[in-house]
Amino acid sequence: MSAIRADINRRISAADIGLSAAPADIAERRAKVMQCTPEAFRFFCKTYLPHYFPDDSESVFHTWAYTELPEIEKEPESVLQGCAASRGEAKTSLTVQAFSLWREVRNAKHNTVIVSDTEDQADAIVEAIKTELTDNPALQLDFPEVCGQGQVWRIGEIRTRQNNQFKAYGAGQGIRGAKKGEVRPDAVYLDDLENEKHTENIRLRDKLTKWIGSVINPLGGAGAKCDILYVGTILCLDSVLARVLKNPFWRSVRFSAIMKWPVNMDLWAEWENIYRNTPKENRANEKAAQSFYEANEAAMLEGSEVSWSKRPLLALMKIRARDGIHVFNCEYQNQPGNPENAIFADYLDNCYYRTLPHDVVYFGAVDPSLGKQGKGTDPSAILVGGYQRATGTLFVVEASIKKRVPSLIIQDVIRMQKQYSCLLWVIETVQFQEFFKDELIKEAAKQGAHVPARGVKPSAEKVMRIESIQPHFANGFIKLLPEQRVLIEQLREFPDADHDDGPDALHMLWMLAQSGFGAIDYTAVPRHNDSNGVLTFGSGAW
């Protein structure tokens, strides 16, 4: 009788949730869920967890999760996956709760460890999974053998009806009792492990990083598959998650709410000024800002791309204005700067230009980064700028920053010289880079594209040189294109970035544009004859 009553109750609930209780339809849905494919995971979330995923809209992060998480499960070896996602995109609901629940329904994992910043937060995730297994009518209809209370059913720990274990821990805790009998963990979820204290204390970050390496990574059995998924938001440049994403043994992916910035950031600056400073009585500021946006909508959206249509650019820019650039860059862009040291960060989003003036003259700068001492192999930087003498503004038109061999640097410079006909190039000539400059001049001549190159040897300390151009950013005299992302990120993270070759080349370019062919303060590189007896430029700057 109890079985009959349970079956009737499931059918009543099915009618409420819009699912057919016909045996053939149930069998069809079960078959879809049991596959280990992106389509199966997406179907599971949309069908059985509509309270988390109420419509068909997906962010770029959601699409990645639906696509890549099933692939992780199919990998024969253990996978370490780090993921930085934006606030408000249901990253815990999708990657921890829904994914682990889908695995449970399919009986794919048998010992799951869930870790959050605090044990209470991890307990709440386990509680959400418990609730779905006991109270979700759609799951009860299609997977009655999975649903219901298991033999262990307490706060922070459950043993399901399929005898699979879920256990919650706080970050930094000893993982006691993680084994289920002789079964070691085969799935580990690390969810937002850090808090504000970690951003302020490197010792806490070091301790948590060591804990992941010494406690979490070895949880799986010898030779057994144990996937570790670390999902969170990058709270500071040196956050533990940021370190994980740079670790070559972890797969890494990073998402930003604004994927491409609009080209007309000057209009957004004007909009923000209205939004912030108009009197707020009767929401006058919002109405005035909205009127300005509607009058300029096409221009304000030009060039932009957001990660989720459900959260359009206007909504994101309101958050940015409300919370401040630093918070927005951390929580929504996963591109934090150090608010105390990041001297360019506050100006970068307002430094873009729409169109290039016709009355510019072109200059180029090259930092070959050959033989330098530093954090691994540095990328080379080639920058070209158009300088408008009437306004004293430098428009950066090319910012090519990447690792490449000297021959490719030479070919890229020659290509840009053919395109822009730069009046002068400056090339940093520390160590044996002087030889590189000479080779560039000779190869360009062979190709009929003479490169007027001047070697320069820095005399001032690099950080001081780069800091010297910050006021010109603040005053709007250095303009960038939004697609010059590598240069922008190196500036945003300066002086804490892994590489600063782009900002260093930008300083050279600015100084060259300012001085033109005139006298400037420099450490001279003497003029000399090259191997062909040709007198080459030698005097340089900085």
Foldseek 3Di string as FASTA:
>chain_A
DVVVVLLVVLCVVCVVLVQDLPPVSLVVLLVLLLDLALSNLVSQCVRQPCVLVVDDFAFLVRSCLSHCVSVCLVDQAAAFAFEAAFPPRCCCCRNPQSVVLSCLLNVSFAFEEEEAQAQLVQLVSVVVNLCSQEPRSVCCSNRVQFHDADPDDDRQWGQTSVRGIYGYHYQPDAPPPRADVPAFGQEYEYEHNDDPVCVVDVVVQVSSLVCCVPHVVPRHDVVHYHYYYYYYFQLECSHNSNVQQPDPRHPYDYDAQKPFAQQPVVLVVVLLCLLPPPDCVVHPSVVVSVVSCVVCVVNRCHGIDGRTPVQDPVNLSVVCSVVHVQVNCGRHVSQHADVVFLLQQVQLSPQGHDDDDPQWAKEKEKEPQPPDDADPRFWIWIWMWTARPVVRATEIPDTDTGHDDLVVVLVVVLVVCVVRVHPEYEYECPDNCVVSVVVSQVVSVVVVRGHQYEYAYDDDDQLVLLVVCSVCSVVNRYHYHRVSVVLSSLSRHPPNDRHNNRSSRVSQRSVCSVQVPHDDAGDWFDFDADPVRDTGHTGDHD
